[in-house]
N, C-alpha and C. Protein backbone atom coordinates (compact mmCIF):
# COMPACT_ATOMS: atom_id res chain seq x y z
N UNK A 1 1.09 -0.88 0.01
CA UNK A 1 -0.08 -0.02 -0.07
C UNK A 1 0.95 1.39 -0.16
N UNK A 2 0.47 2.22 -0.81
CA UNK A 2 1.61 3.37 -1.12
C UNK A 2 1.05 4.31 0.14
N UNK A 3 2.49 5.35 0.71
CA UNK A 3 2.22 6.07 1.53
C UNK A 3 2.23 7.43 1.22
N UNK A 4 1.61 8.05 -0.22
CA UNK A 4 1.77 9.08 -0.77
C UNK A 4 0.24 9.93 -0.88
N UNK A 5 -0.72 9.22 -0.33
CA UNK A 5 -1.98 9.58 -0.64
C UNK A 5 -1.99 10.98 0.27
N UNK A 6 -1.12 11.54 1.54
CA UNK A 6 -1.21 12.57 2.72
C UNK A 6 -0.62 13.77 2.02
N UNK A 7 0.24 13.25 0.71
CA UNK A 7 1.38 14.16 0.40
C UNK A 7 0.59 15.40 -0.38
N UNK A 8 0.89 16.63 0.13
CA UNK A 8 0.23 17.92 -0.65
C UNK A 8 0.70 18.24 -1.77
N UNK A 9 2.11 17.64 -1.89
CA UNK A 9 2.84 18.13 -3.12
C UNK A 9 2.79 17.43 -4.45
N UNK A 10 1.81 16.21 -4.22
CA UNK A 10 1.64 15.54 -5.32
C UNK A 10 0.30 15.65 -5.97
N UNK A 11 0.40 16.45 -7.08
CA UNK A 11 -0.86 17.10 -7.79
C UNK A 11 -1.72 15.46 -8.24
N UNK A 12 -2.64 16.17 -8.64
CA UNK A 12 -3.71 15.01 -9.17
C UNK A 12 -3.42 14.68 -10.51
N UNK A 13 -2.68 15.97 -11.13
CA UNK A 13 -2.50 15.43 -12.66
C UNK A 13 -1.31 14.36 -12.63
N UNK A 14 -0.45 14.62 -11.72
CA UNK A 14 0.62 13.27 -11.23
C UNK A 14 -0.01 11.89 -11.42
N UNK A 15 -1.15 12.14 -10.37
CA UNK A 15 -1.90 10.87 -10.08
C UNK A 15 -2.43 10.27 -11.09
N UNK A 16 -3.26 11.14 -12.16
CA UNK A 16 -3.80 10.50 -13.31
C UNK A 16 -2.97 9.89 -14.15
N UNK A 17 -1.65 10.26 -14.07
CA UNK A 17 -0.98 10.07 -15.38
C UNK A 17 0.12 8.47 -14.59
N UNK A 18 -0.04 8.53 -13.49
CA UNK A 18 0.42 6.99 -13.11
C UNK A 18 0.06 5.81 -13.77
N UNK A 19 -1.37 5.51 -13.75
CA UNK A 19 -1.81 4.72 -14.88
C UNK A 19 -1.51 4.43 -16.19
N UNK A 20 -1.15 5.59 -16.80
CA UNK A 20 -0.64 5.33 -18.05
C UNK A 20 0.53 4.75 -18.21
N UNK A 21 1.59 5.31 -17.43
CA UNK A 21 2.75 4.90 -16.85
C UNK A 21 2.89 3.39 -16.58
N UNK A 22 1.76 2.91 -16.22
CA UNK A 22 1.86 1.48 -15.70
C UNK A 22 1.16 0.61 -16.86
N UNK A 23 0.44 1.21 -17.57
CA UNK A 23 0.11 0.28 -18.91
C UNK A 23 1.06 0.36 -19.83
N UNK A 24 1.75 1.34 -19.90
CA UNK A 24 3.08 1.41 -21.05
C UNK A 24 4.11 0.49 -20.70
N UNK A 25 4.49 0.71 -19.22
CA UNK A 25 5.54 -0.53 -19.16
C UNK A 25 4.90 -1.60 -19.19
N UNK A 26 4.02 -2.39 -18.77
CA UNK A 26 3.26 -3.51 -18.89
C UNK A 26 3.50 -3.64 -20.58
N UNK A 27 2.89 -2.95 -21.21
CA UNK A 27 3.15 -3.27 -22.97
C UNK A 27 4.99 -3.82 -22.94
N UNK A 28 5.92 -2.80 -22.48
CA UNK A 28 6.86 -3.31 -22.65
C UNK A 28 7.55 -4.15 -22.37
N UNK A 29 7.21 -4.48 -21.08
CA UNK A 29 7.45 -5.67 -20.47
C UNK A 29 6.91 -7.31 -21.16
N UNK A 30 5.99 -6.99 -21.84
CA UNK A 30 5.37 -8.16 -22.55
C UNK A 30 6.07 -8.06 -23.59
N UNK A 31 6.73 -7.18 -24.24
CA UNK A 31 7.56 -7.50 -25.36
C UNK A 31 9.23 -7.28 -25.16
N UNK A 32 9.24 -8.13 -23.48
CA UNK A 32 10.67 -8.54 -23.39
C UNK A 32 11.65 -7.36 -23.20
N UNK A 33 11.07 -5.83 -23.24
CA UNK A 33 11.87 -4.69 -22.71
C UNK A 33 12.52 -4.91 -21.66
N UNK A 34 13.77 -4.46 -21.05
CA UNK A 34 13.91 -4.77 -19.54
C UNK A 34 14.36 -3.41 -19.04
N UNK A 35 14.94 -2.37 -19.83
CA UNK A 35 15.12 -1.19 -19.23
C UNK A 35 14.81 0.21 -20.59
N UNK A 36 14.40 0.99 -20.02
CA UNK A 36 14.01 2.05 -21.05
C UNK A 36 14.46 3.88 -20.71
N UNK A 37 14.71 4.71 -21.43
CA UNK A 37 15.42 5.79 -21.08
C UNK A 37 14.24 6.87 -20.71
N UNK A 38 13.92 7.59 -20.07
CA UNK A 38 12.62 8.71 -20.11
C UNK A 38 12.62 9.37 -21.50
N UNK A 39 13.69 9.43 -22.44
CA UNK A 39 13.29 10.15 -23.54
C UNK A 39 13.22 9.15 -24.43
N UNK A 40 13.07 7.52 -24.59
CA UNK A 40 12.53 6.49 -24.98
C UNK A 40 10.88 6.61 -24.59
N UNK A 41 10.76 6.62 -23.38
CA UNK A 41 9.52 6.54 -23.02
C UNK A 41 8.58 7.85 -23.62
N UNK A 42 9.21 8.41 -23.21
CA UNK A 42 8.47 10.08 -23.49
C UNK A 42 7.94 9.70 -25.14
N UNK A 43 8.55 9.40 -25.76
CA UNK A 43 8.07 9.16 -27.42
C UNK A 43 6.80 8.55 -27.74
N UNK A 44 7.10 7.42 -26.80
CA UNK A 44 5.84 6.38 -26.42
C UNK A 44 4.49 6.99 -25.99
N UNK A 45 4.73 7.50 -25.21
CA UNK A 45 3.37 8.47 -24.28
C UNK A 45 2.91 9.52 -24.74
N UNK A 46 3.72 10.14 -25.48
CA UNK A 46 3.67 12.06 -25.63
C UNK A 46 3.57 12.52 -24.73
N UNK A 47 4.85 12.41 -23.93
CA UNK A 47 4.66 13.37 -22.43
C UNK A 47 6.54 13.57 -22.91
N UNK A 48 6.55 14.60 -22.10
CA UNK A 48 7.96 15.16 -22.46
C UNK A 48 9.02 14.58 -21.38
N UNK A 49 10.08 13.91 -21.69
CA UNK A 49 10.99 13.25 -20.85
C UNK A 49 10.87 13.89 -19.40
N UNK A 50 11.22 15.35 -19.44
CA UNK A 50 11.48 16.21 -18.32
C UNK A 50 9.98 15.83 -17.61
N UNK A 51 8.86 15.61 -17.89
CA UNK A 51 7.58 15.52 -17.28
C UNK A 51 7.86 14.30 -16.28
N UNK A 52 8.25 13.27 -17.13
CA UNK A 52 8.27 11.82 -17.02
C UNK A 52 9.14 11.98 -15.59
N UNK A 53 10.50 12.77 -15.77
CA UNK A 53 11.30 12.21 -14.60
C UNK A 53 10.78 13.32 -13.36
N UNK A 54 10.37 14.52 -13.59
CA UNK A 54 9.68 15.10 -12.59
C UNK A 54 8.60 14.63 -11.94
N UNK A 55 7.66 13.78 -12.58
CA UNK A 55 6.60 12.86 -12.31
C UNK A 55 6.99 11.92 -11.41
N UNK A 56 8.21 10.73 -11.37
CA UNK A 56 8.65 9.79 -10.79
C UNK A 56 9.74 10.52 -9.84
N UNK A 57 10.04 11.69 -9.84
CA UNK A 57 11.32 12.17 -8.92
C UNK A 57 10.20 12.40 -7.80
N UNK A 58 8.80 12.45 -7.85
CA UNK A 58 7.83 12.58 -6.69
C UNK A 58 7.61 11.52 -5.88
N UNK A 59 8.23 10.66 -6.29
CA UNK A 59 7.99 9.10 -5.48
C UNK A 59 9.30 8.50 -5.42
N UNK A 60 10.27 9.19 -5.67
CA UNK A 60 12.17 8.61 -5.32
C UNK A 60 12.63 8.58 -6.78
N UNK A 61 12.48 8.61 -7.73
CA UNK A 61 13.11 8.53 -8.77
C UNK A 61 13.02 7.35 -9.67
N UNK A 62 13.51 6.51 -8.97
CA UNK A 62 13.61 4.87 -10.01
C UNK A 62 14.82 5.02 -10.85
N UNK A 63 15.24 5.68 -11.57
CA UNK A 63 16.10 5.81 -12.24
C UNK A 63 17.47 6.06 -12.18
N UNK A 64 18.53 5.58 -13.32
CA UNK A 64 19.69 5.62 -12.85
C UNK A 64 20.70 6.42 -14.01
N UNK A 65 21.27 7.63 -13.76
CA UNK A 65 21.92 8.31 -14.84
C UNK A 65 22.43 7.37 -15.70
N UNK A 66 22.61 7.15 -17.23
CA UNK A 66 23.30 6.58 -18.05
C UNK A 66 22.46 4.86 -18.52
N UNK A 67 21.52 4.88 -17.49
CA UNK A 67 20.71 3.25 -17.79
C UNK A 67 19.32 3.61 -17.93
N UNK A 68 18.71 4.44 -17.28
CA UNK A 68 17.14 4.84 -17.61
C UNK A 68 16.72 3.68 -16.34
N UNK A 69 15.45 3.49 -16.82
CA UNK A 69 14.47 2.62 -15.64
C UNK A 69 14.67 1.19 -16.18
N UNK A 70 14.54 0.68 -15.10
CA UNK A 70 14.12 -0.87 -15.07
C UNK A 70 12.40 -1.34 -15.17
N UNK A 71 12.16 -1.77 -16.07
CA UNK A 71 10.88 -1.48 -16.83
C UNK A 71 9.98 -2.36 -15.56
N UNK A 72 10.47 -3.57 -15.52
CA UNK A 72 9.69 -4.38 -14.39
C UNK A 72 9.67 -3.80 -12.92
N UNK A 73 10.91 -3.31 -12.56
CA UNK A 73 11.14 -2.73 -11.41
C UNK A 73 10.46 -1.39 -10.89
N UNK A 74 10.30 -0.59 -12.10
CA UNK A 74 9.48 0.57 -12.32
C UNK A 74 7.82 0.33 -12.22
N UNK A 75 7.73 -0.59 -13.05
CA UNK A 75 6.01 -0.66 -13.24
C UNK A 75 5.49 -1.66 -11.54
N UNK A 76 6.56 -2.65 -10.76
CA UNK A 76 6.06 -2.95 -9.60
C UNK A 76 6.00 -1.38 -8.63
N UNK A 77 6.83 -0.50 -8.63
CA UNK A 77 6.68 0.49 -7.84
C UNK A 77 5.56 1.30 -7.94
N UNK A 78 5.22 1.60 -9.43
CA UNK A 78 3.88 2.52 -9.84
C UNK A 78 3.26 1.27 -9.26
N UNK A 79 2.63 0.10 -9.34
CA UNK A 79 1.63 -0.46 -8.85
C UNK A 79 1.42 -0.14 -7.18
N UNK A 80 2.82 -0.30 -6.47
CA UNK A 80 2.45 -0.29 -5.46
C UNK A 80 2.04 1.16 -4.81
N UNK A 81 2.33 2.37 -5.69
CA UNK A 81 2.39 3.63 -5.09
C UNK A 81 0.48 3.92 -5.48
N UNK A 82 0.23 2.89 -6.56
CA UNK A 82 -1.45 3.19 -6.90
C UNK A 82 -2.12 2.39 -6.41
N UNK A 83 -1.22 1.67 -5.16
CA UNK A 83 -2.20 0.63 -4.38
C UNK A 83 -2.49 -0.33 -5.04
N UNK A 84 -2.17 -0.97 -6.04
CA UNK A 84 -2.78 -2.38 -6.49
C UNK A 84 -1.75 -3.39 -6.53
N UNK A 85 -0.78 -3.22 -5.79
CA UNK A 85 0.10 -4.32 -5.04
C UNK A 85 -0.88 -5.58 -4.28
N UNK A 86 -1.73 -4.88 -3.84
CA UNK A 86 -2.71 -5.61 -2.81
C UNK A 86 -4.13 -5.57 -3.76
N UNK A 87 -5.00 -6.65 -3.29
CA UNK A 87 -6.11 -7.44 -3.73
C UNK A 87 -7.17 -6.17 -3.25
N UNK A 88 -8.48 -6.00 -3.78
CA UNK A 88 -9.60 -5.10 -3.51
C UNK A 88 -10.76 -5.80 -3.84
N UNK A 89 -11.67 -6.29 -2.61
CA UNK A 89 -12.89 -6.63 -3.19
C UNK A 89 -14.03 -5.38 -3.31
N UNK A 90 -14.50 -5.85 -4.33
CA UNK A 90 -15.70 -4.89 -4.93
C UNK A 90 -16.83 -5.20 -5.22
N UNK A 91 -17.95 -3.96 -4.93
CA UNK A 91 -19.44 -4.99 -5.15
C UNK A 91 -20.05 -3.94 -6.20
N UNK A 92 -20.90 -4.24 -6.49
CA UNK A 92 -21.67 -3.43 -7.89
C UNK A 92 -23.09 -3.06 -7.13
N UNK A 93 -23.23 -1.82 -7.34
CA UNK A 93 -24.58 -1.28 -6.92
C UNK A 93 -25.86 -0.88 -8.31
N UNK A 94 -26.66 -1.84 -8.67
CA UNK A 94 -27.31 -1.34 -9.84
C UNK A 94 -26.91 -2.56 -10.59
N UNK A 95 -27.41 -3.15 -10.90
CA UNK A 95 -27.41 -4.39 -11.76
C UNK A 95 -28.19 -4.50 -12.99
N UNK A 96 -27.62 -3.29 -13.80
CA UNK A 96 -28.06 -2.99 -15.06
C UNK A 96 -26.87 -2.88 -16.42
N UNK A 97 -27.20 -2.48 -17.76
CA UNK A 97 -26.40 -2.82 -18.66
C UNK A 97 -25.18 -2.41 -17.91
N UNK A 98 -24.75 -1.36 -17.53
CA UNK A 98 -23.29 -0.55 -17.12
C UNK A 98 -22.42 -1.78 -16.37
N UNK A 99 -23.55 -2.15 -15.60
CA UNK A 99 -22.95 -2.96 -14.29
C UNK A 99 -22.68 -4.35 -14.96
N UNK A 100 -23.30 -4.53 -15.79
CA UNK A 100 -22.66 -6.33 -16.77
C UNK A 100 -21.49 -5.50 -17.66
N UNK A 101 -21.28 -4.58 -18.05
CA UNK A 101 -20.41 -4.35 -19.08
C UNK A 101 -19.50 -4.18 -18.14
N UNK A 102 -19.45 -3.57 -17.12
CA UNK A 102 -17.82 -3.71 -15.94
C UNK A 102 -17.85 -5.27 -15.49
N UNK A 103 -18.65 -5.66 -15.07
CA UNK A 103 -18.69 -6.82 -14.65
C UNK A 103 -18.05 -8.00 -15.59
N UNK A 104 -17.93 -7.95 -16.90
CA UNK A 104 -17.46 -8.84 -17.75
C UNK A 104 -16.04 -8.18 -18.49
N UNK A 105 -15.67 -7.00 -17.71
CA UNK A 105 -14.33 -6.62 -18.25
C UNK A 105 -13.60 -7.36 -17.74
N UNK A 106 -12.35 -8.07 -18.68
CA UNK A 106 -11.30 -9.26 -18.03
C UNK A 106 -10.26 -8.29 -17.22
N UNK A 107 -9.92 -7.40 -17.59
CA UNK A 107 -8.59 -6.65 -17.05
C UNK A 107 -8.86 -6.31 -15.49
N UNK A 108 -9.92 -6.02 -15.04
CA UNK A 108 -10.05 -5.71 -13.55
C UNK A 108 -9.61 -6.92 -12.52
N UNK A 109 -9.43 -8.09 -12.91
CA UNK A 109 -9.10 -8.86 -12.01
C UNK A 109 -7.45 -9.03 -12.11
N UNK A 110 -6.92 -8.89 -13.02
CA UNK A 110 -5.46 -8.81 -13.51
C UNK A 110 -4.91 -7.79 -12.71
N UNK A 111 -5.92 -6.57 -12.11
CA UNK A 111 -4.94 -5.41 -11.25
C UNK A 111 -5.36 -5.55 -9.78
N UNK A 112 -5.89 -6.68 -9.38
CA UNK A 112 -6.36 -7.03 -8.14
C UNK A 112 -7.60 -6.58 -7.86
N UNK A 113 -8.36 -5.96 -8.41
CA UNK A 113 -10.33 -5.67 -8.51
C UNK A 113 -10.94 -6.82 -8.76
N UNK A 114 -11.39 -7.44 -7.55
CA UNK A 114 -12.12 -8.89 -7.52
C UNK A 114 -14.02 -8.33 -7.36
N UNK A 115 -14.21 -8.24 -7.93
CA UNK A 115 -15.69 -8.27 -7.66
C UNK A 115 -16.43 -9.44 -7.39
N UNK A 116 -17.11 -9.38 -6.12
CA UNK A 116 -17.75 -10.16 -5.50
C UNK A 116 -19.33 -10.59 -5.13
N UNK A 117 -19.46 -9.44 -5.68
CA UNK A 117 -20.80 -9.54 -5.63
C UNK A 117 -21.89 -8.10 -5.92
N UNK A 118 -22.94 -8.14 -6.34
CA UNK A 118 -23.84 -7.33 -6.85
C UNK A 118 -25.57 -6.90 -6.26
N UNK A 119 -25.56 -5.79 -6.21
CA UNK A 119 -26.77 -5.65 -5.29
C UNK A 119 -28.00 -4.68 -6.29
N UNK A 120 -28.99 -5.06 -5.70
CA UNK A 120 -30.14 -4.33 -6.54
C UNK A 120 -31.54 -4.19 -5.88
N UNK A 121 -32.29 -3.63 -6.31
CA UNK A 121 -33.88 -3.81 -5.89
C UNK A 121 -34.49 -4.20 -6.51
N UNK A 122 -34.45 -4.85 -7.56
CA UNK A 122 -35.35 -5.38 -8.56
C UNK A 122 -35.38 -6.90 -8.45
N UNK A 123 -36.95 -7.42 -7.73
CA UNK A 123 -37.29 -8.67 -7.28
C UNK A 123 -36.69 -9.64 -8.48
N UNK A 124 -36.93 -9.49 -9.70
CA UNK A 124 -36.70 -10.04 -10.94
C UNK A 124 -35.21 -10.09 -11.05
N UNK A 125 -34.40 -9.44 -10.30
CA UNK A 125 -32.99 -9.71 -11.02
C UNK A 125 -32.31 -10.42 -9.58
N UNK A 126 -32.53 -10.05 -8.33
CA UNK A 126 -32.24 -10.71 -6.87
C UNK A 126 -32.22 -12.35 -7.16
N UNK A 127 -30.93 -13.00 -6.80
CA UNK A 127 -30.78 -14.43 -6.70
C UNK A 127 -30.05 -15.02 -8.37
N UNK A 128 -30.19 -14.12 -9.22
CA UNK A 128 -29.85 -14.08 -10.39
C UNK A 128 -28.71 -14.13 -10.53
N UNK A 129 -27.41 -13.97 -11.76
CA UNK A 129 -25.94 -13.80 -11.42
C UNK A 129 -25.73 -13.18 -12.88
N UNK A 130 -24.45 -12.27 -13.13
CA UNK A 130 -23.77 -11.56 -13.83
C UNK A 130 -22.54 -12.46 -13.86
N UNK A 131 -22.13 -12.71 -14.88
CA UNK A 131 -20.55 -13.56 -15.13
C UNK A 131 -20.25 -14.34 -14.00
N UNK A 132 -21.36 -14.96 -13.17
CA UNK A 132 -20.70 -15.62 -12.27
C UNK A 132 -21.20 -15.39 -10.73
N UNK A 133 -21.64 -13.99 -10.65
CA UNK A 133 -21.40 -13.05 -9.56
C UNK A 133 -23.07 -12.83 -9.16
N UNK A 134 -23.39 -13.60 -8.19
CA UNK A 134 -24.88 -13.38 -7.53
C UNK A 134 -25.15 -11.96 -7.35
N UNK A 135 -26.36 -11.60 -7.88
CA UNK A 135 -27.16 -10.38 -7.71
C UNK A 135 -27.71 -10.60 -6.40
N UNK A 136 -27.71 -9.83 -5.00
CA UNK A 136 -28.23 -9.91 -4.05
C UNK A 136 -29.33 -8.53 -3.85
N UNK A 137 -30.22 -8.54 -2.76
CA UNK A 137 -31.08 -7.41 -2.39
C UNK A 137 -30.25 -6.28 -1.62
N UNK A 138 -30.61 -5.04 -2.18
CA UNK A 138 -30.18 -4.12 -1.18
C UNK A 138 -30.28 -4.26 0.12
N UNK A 139 -31.17 -5.31 0.66
CA UNK A 139 -31.70 -4.93 2.30
C UNK A 139 -30.36 -5.63 2.80
N UNK A 140 -29.43 -6.04 2.15
CA UNK A 140 -28.34 -6.76 2.46
C UNK A 140 -27.08 -5.88 2.37
N UNK A 141 -27.19 -4.98 2.06
CA UNK A 141 -25.67 -3.85 1.59
C UNK A 141 -24.79 -3.91 2.78
N UNK A 142 -25.25 -2.98 3.78
CA UNK A 142 -24.75 -2.80 5.03
C UNK A 142 -23.68 -3.67 5.57
N UNK A 143 -24.82 -5.12 5.97
CA UNK A 143 -24.05 -6.01 6.46
C UNK A 143 -23.05 -6.71 5.65
N UNK A 144 -23.30 -6.93 4.49
CA UNK A 144 -22.61 -7.72 3.48
C UNK A 144 -21.02 -6.74 3.23
N UNK A 145 -21.25 -5.44 3.20
CA UNK A 145 -19.79 -4.91 3.52
C UNK A 145 -19.05 -4.61 4.47
N UNK A 146 -19.57 -4.84 5.74
CA UNK A 146 -19.02 -4.72 6.64
C UNK A 146 -18.52 -6.17 7.38
N UNK A 147 -19.26 -7.27 6.76
CA UNK A 147 -18.71 -8.65 7.26
C UNK A 147 -17.55 -9.01 6.20
N UNK A 148 -17.71 -8.67 5.05
CA UNK A 148 -16.79 -8.86 4.04
C UNK A 148 -15.78 -8.42 3.66
N UNK A 149 -15.54 -7.12 4.73
CA UNK A 149 -14.85 -5.97 4.50
C UNK A 149 -14.43 -5.26 2.78
N UNK A 150 -15.39 -5.25 2.44
CA UNK A 150 -15.31 -4.86 0.83
C UNK A 150 -14.56 -3.25 1.29
N UNK A 151 -13.48 -3.23 0.14
CA UNK A 151 -13.02 -1.98 -0.15
C UNK A 151 -13.67 -0.89 -0.88
N UNK A 152 -14.09 -1.35 -2.18
CA UNK A 152 -14.73 -0.43 -3.13
C UNK A 152 -16.15 -0.79 -3.57
N UNK A 153 -17.09 0.32 -3.60
CA UNK A 153 -18.42 0.10 -4.19
C UNK A 153 -18.28 0.66 -5.58
N UNK A 154 -19.02 0.28 -6.52
CA UNK A 154 -19.29 0.73 -8.04
C UNK A 154 -20.62 1.21 -8.12
N UNK A 155 -20.82 2.35 -8.25
CA UNK A 155 -22.17 2.96 -8.42
C UNK A 155 -22.84 3.24 -9.92
N UNK A 156 -23.89 1.96 -10.34
CA UNK A 156 -24.02 2.02 -11.59
C UNK A 156 -25.86 2.28 -11.55
N UNK A 157 -26.14 3.33 -10.49
CA UNK A 157 -27.52 3.58 -10.44
C UNK A 157 -28.03 4.40 -10.73
N UNK A 158 -29.51 4.90 -11.18
CA UNK A 158 -30.18 6.37 -11.54
C UNK A 158 -29.98 7.00 -10.45
N UNK A 159 -29.75 8.19 -11.09
CA UNK A 159 -29.80 9.69 -10.71
C UNK A 159 -30.67 9.70 -8.98
N UNK A 160 -31.71 9.16 -9.59
CA UNK A 160 -32.78 9.61 -8.39
C UNK A 160 -32.60 8.29 -7.43
N UNK A 161 -31.80 7.66 -7.29
CA UNK A 161 -31.29 6.81 -6.00
C UNK A 161 -29.97 6.72 -5.80
N UNK A 162 -29.44 7.46 -6.34
CA UNK A 162 -27.74 7.72 -5.98
C UNK A 162 -27.49 8.49 -4.43
N UNK A 163 -28.00 9.59 -4.10
CA UNK A 163 -27.99 10.22 -2.74
C UNK A 163 -28.20 9.12 -1.87
N UNK A 164 -29.52 8.27 -1.79
CA UNK A 164 -29.78 7.52 -0.68
C UNK A 164 -28.80 6.40 -0.54
N UNK A 165 -28.06 5.76 -1.60
CA UNK A 165 -27.07 4.68 -1.94
C UNK A 165 -26.06 5.29 -0.90
N UNK A 166 -25.89 6.89 -1.57
CA UNK A 166 -24.38 7.74 -0.91
C UNK A 166 -24.46 7.62 0.52
N UNK A 167 -25.88 8.13 1.15
CA UNK A 167 -26.20 8.11 2.46
C UNK A 167 -25.57 6.83 3.18
N UNK A 168 -26.23 5.56 2.59
CA UNK A 168 -26.05 4.14 3.23
C UNK A 168 -24.69 3.87 3.45
N UNK A 169 -23.83 4.23 2.14
CA UNK A 169 -22.52 3.71 2.21
C UNK A 169 -21.81 4.56 3.33
N UNK A 170 -22.00 5.70 3.30
CA UNK A 170 -21.05 6.59 4.31
C UNK A 170 -21.42 5.90 5.98
N UNK A 171 -22.14 4.95 6.06
CA UNK A 171 -22.48 4.73 7.27
C UNK A 171 -21.87 3.20 7.48
N UNK A 172 -21.07 2.84 6.38
CA UNK A 172 -20.43 1.41 6.49
C UNK A 172 -18.97 1.99 6.33
N UNK A 173 -18.08 0.39 6.45
CA UNK A 173 -16.90 0.67 6.23
C UNK A 173 -16.08 0.48 4.95
N UNK A 174 -16.83 1.14 3.99
CA UNK A 174 -16.32 1.25 2.69
C UNK A 174 -15.42 2.09 2.71
N UNK A 175 -14.25 2.12 1.98
CA UNK A 175 -13.07 2.89 1.33
C UNK A 175 -13.31 3.78 0.47
N UNK A 176 -13.92 3.22 -0.44
CA UNK A 176 -13.80 3.95 -2.08
C UNK A 176 -15.27 3.67 -2.64
N UNK A 177 -15.52 4.58 -3.50
CA UNK A 177 -16.73 4.71 -4.39
C UNK A 177 -16.32 5.09 -5.94
N UNK A 178 -16.62 4.29 -6.83
CA UNK A 178 -16.01 4.58 -8.17
C UNK A 178 -17.78 4.91 -8.58
N UNK A 179 -18.12 6.18 -8.84
CA UNK A 179 -19.47 6.42 -8.92
C UNK A 179 -19.83 6.73 -10.56
N UNK A 180 -20.62 6.21 -10.83
CA UNK A 180 -21.28 6.43 -12.42
C UNK A 180 -22.45 6.96 -12.60
N UNK A 181 -23.06 7.22 -11.48
CA UNK A 181 -24.29 8.10 -11.04
C UNK A 181 -23.99 9.35 -11.35
N UNK A 182 -25.07 10.30 -12.36
CA UNK A 182 -24.91 11.63 -12.49
C UNK A 182 -25.16 12.84 -11.59
N UNK A 183 -24.86 12.18 -10.36
CA UNK A 183 -24.41 13.29 -9.33
C UNK A 183 -22.97 13.20 -8.40
N UNK A 184 -22.64 14.68 -8.15
CA UNK A 184 -21.75 14.31 -7.06
C UNK A 184 -22.15 14.62 -5.70
N UNK A 185 -21.29 14.35 -4.90
CA UNK A 185 -21.81 14.33 -3.45
C UNK A 185 -20.55 14.19 -2.48
N UNK A 186 -20.56 15.08 -1.04
CA UNK A 186 -19.23 15.05 -0.45
C UNK A 186 -19.35 13.95 0.38
N UNK A 187 -18.42 13.09 0.87
CA UNK A 187 -18.59 11.96 1.71
C UNK A 187 -17.72 12.40 2.70
N UNK A 188 -17.81 11.44 3.93
CA UNK A 188 -16.68 11.61 5.05
C UNK A 188 -15.04 11.67 4.50
N UNK A 189 -14.43 11.90 5.32
CA UNK A 189 -12.95 11.95 4.57
C UNK A 189 -12.72 10.52 4.39
N UNK A 190 -12.59 9.50 5.22
CA UNK A 190 -12.46 8.40 5.19
C UNK A 190 -12.94 7.18 3.77
N UNK A 191 -13.78 7.94 3.04
CA UNK A 191 -14.39 7.53 2.02
C UNK A 191 -13.94 8.52 0.68
N UNK A 192 -12.92 7.81 -0.12
CA UNK A 192 -12.68 8.30 -1.44
C UNK A 192 -13.45 8.57 -2.62
N UNK A 193 -14.07 9.27 -3.42
CA UNK A 193 -15.06 9.09 -4.46
C UNK A 193 -14.50 9.74 -5.73
N UNK A 194 -14.34 8.80 -6.77
CA UNK A 194 -14.21 8.89 -8.34
C UNK A 194 -15.36 9.30 -8.72
N UNK A 195 -15.56 10.06 -9.49
CA UNK A 195 -16.80 10.42 -10.29
C UNK A 195 -16.24 10.45 -11.71
N UNK A 196 -17.32 9.47 -12.29
CA UNK A 196 -17.16 9.28 -13.58
C UNK A 196 -18.30 10.18 -14.64
N UNK A 197 -18.02 10.73 -15.40
CA UNK A 197 -19.31 11.38 -16.17
C UNK A 197 -18.85 10.85 -17.69
N UNK A 198 -19.42 9.70 -18.28
CA UNK A 198 -19.12 9.45 -19.72
C UNK A 198 -19.91 10.31 -20.69
N UNK A 199 -20.58 11.33 -20.35
CA UNK A 199 -20.94 12.50 -21.23
C UNK A 199 -20.14 13.47 -21.44
N UNK A 200 -19.50 13.93 -20.06
CA UNK A 200 -18.42 14.66 -20.17
C UNK A 200 -17.24 14.50 -21.27
N UNK A 201 -16.73 13.20 -20.98
CA UNK A 201 -15.92 13.03 -22.04
C UNK A 201 -16.01 12.89 -23.48
N UNK A 202 -17.31 12.38 -23.82
CA UNK A 202 -17.68 12.38 -25.16
C UNK A 202 -17.43 13.99 -25.48
N UNK A 203 -18.32 14.86 -24.69
CA UNK A 203 -18.26 16.19 -25.03
C UNK A 203 -16.75 16.66 -25.47
N UNK A 204 -15.85 16.41 -24.47
CA UNK A 204 -14.38 16.75 -24.60
C UNK A 204 -13.99 16.43 -26.25
N UNK A 205 -14.24 15.07 -26.63
CA UNK A 205 -14.16 14.39 -27.93
C UNK A 205 -14.71 15.34 -29.08
N UNK A 206 -16.41 15.82 -28.54
CA UNK A 206 -16.84 16.74 -29.30
C UNK A 206 -16.02 18.11 -29.80
N UNK A 207 -15.64 18.59 -28.59
CA UNK A 207 -15.06 19.88 -28.82
C UNK A 207 -13.88 19.93 -29.35
N UNK A 208 -13.09 18.31 -29.54
CA UNK A 208 -11.70 18.42 -30.29
C UNK A 208 -11.94 18.42 -31.60
N UNK A 209 -13.04 17.37 -31.89
CA UNK A 209 -13.26 17.50 -33.45
C UNK A 209 -13.51 18.87 -34.16
N UNK A 210 -14.74 19.72 -33.17
CA UNK A 210 -14.96 20.83 -33.65
C UNK A 210 -13.87 21.76 -33.79
N UNK A 211 -12.71 21.41 -32.85
CA UNK A 211 -11.54 22.64 -33.39
C UNK A 211 -10.87 22.35 -34.44
N UNK A 212 -10.70 20.80 -34.90
CA UNK A 212 -10.27 20.29 -35.89
C UNK A 212 -10.68 20.83 -37.09
N UNK A 213 -12.22 20.81 -36.99
CA UNK A 213 -12.92 20.99 -38.29
C UNK A 213 -13.22 22.68 -38.47
N UNK A 214 -13.08 23.28 -37.24
CA UNK A 214 -13.01 24.70 -37.49
C UNK A 214 -11.56 25.33 -38.23
N UNK A 215 -10.59 24.35 -38.46
CA UNK A 215 -9.16 24.97 -38.86
C UNK A 215 -9.03 24.47 -39.81
N UNK A 216 -10.07 23.50 -40.77
CA UNK A 216 -9.86 23.12 -41.97
C UNK A 216 -9.95 23.87 -43.18
């Protein structure tokens, strides 16, 4: 587990680049690359070599002058910083289409995100399963989280239900919430929330397309 969460000198921009480093280093490792310089890594990632060195120096550097970075060692260290060197128990709340898509995503178990249960209010869904994971009644939510030491809850519920679910989660031992509901809400400091708005990402793409078209 990392010790950098409370370091005020590490910006959110750096944290959001770390998964990209982890992914590219994984691809290099699969190709049998043992070491790489910041210059060569910058060409692959479209990030300046100076930016890479500055980012990694926030966590200790990991490179050697004239040698570069050991790919596997750096990937392990970044995994530790990201907290994925230990497994996380995950539950889904809202067993709809998005929930099903997430539960069928094969890479999550590779990174230690193990989905162990799903919850829904619909009687027709309770007792069935998605990708081998049972759908449970929302009546069991709080007790299941606390008894099974769940780390992360993934919210794929309608906006109308989200605030109530947030309030219920706030009374449990949950550590983090990956929120796909269309609402942002403040939680106690011990519960971290990552809000995902798919429409905003698509709007950014639309902006970039419009910008390109405007210069043609």
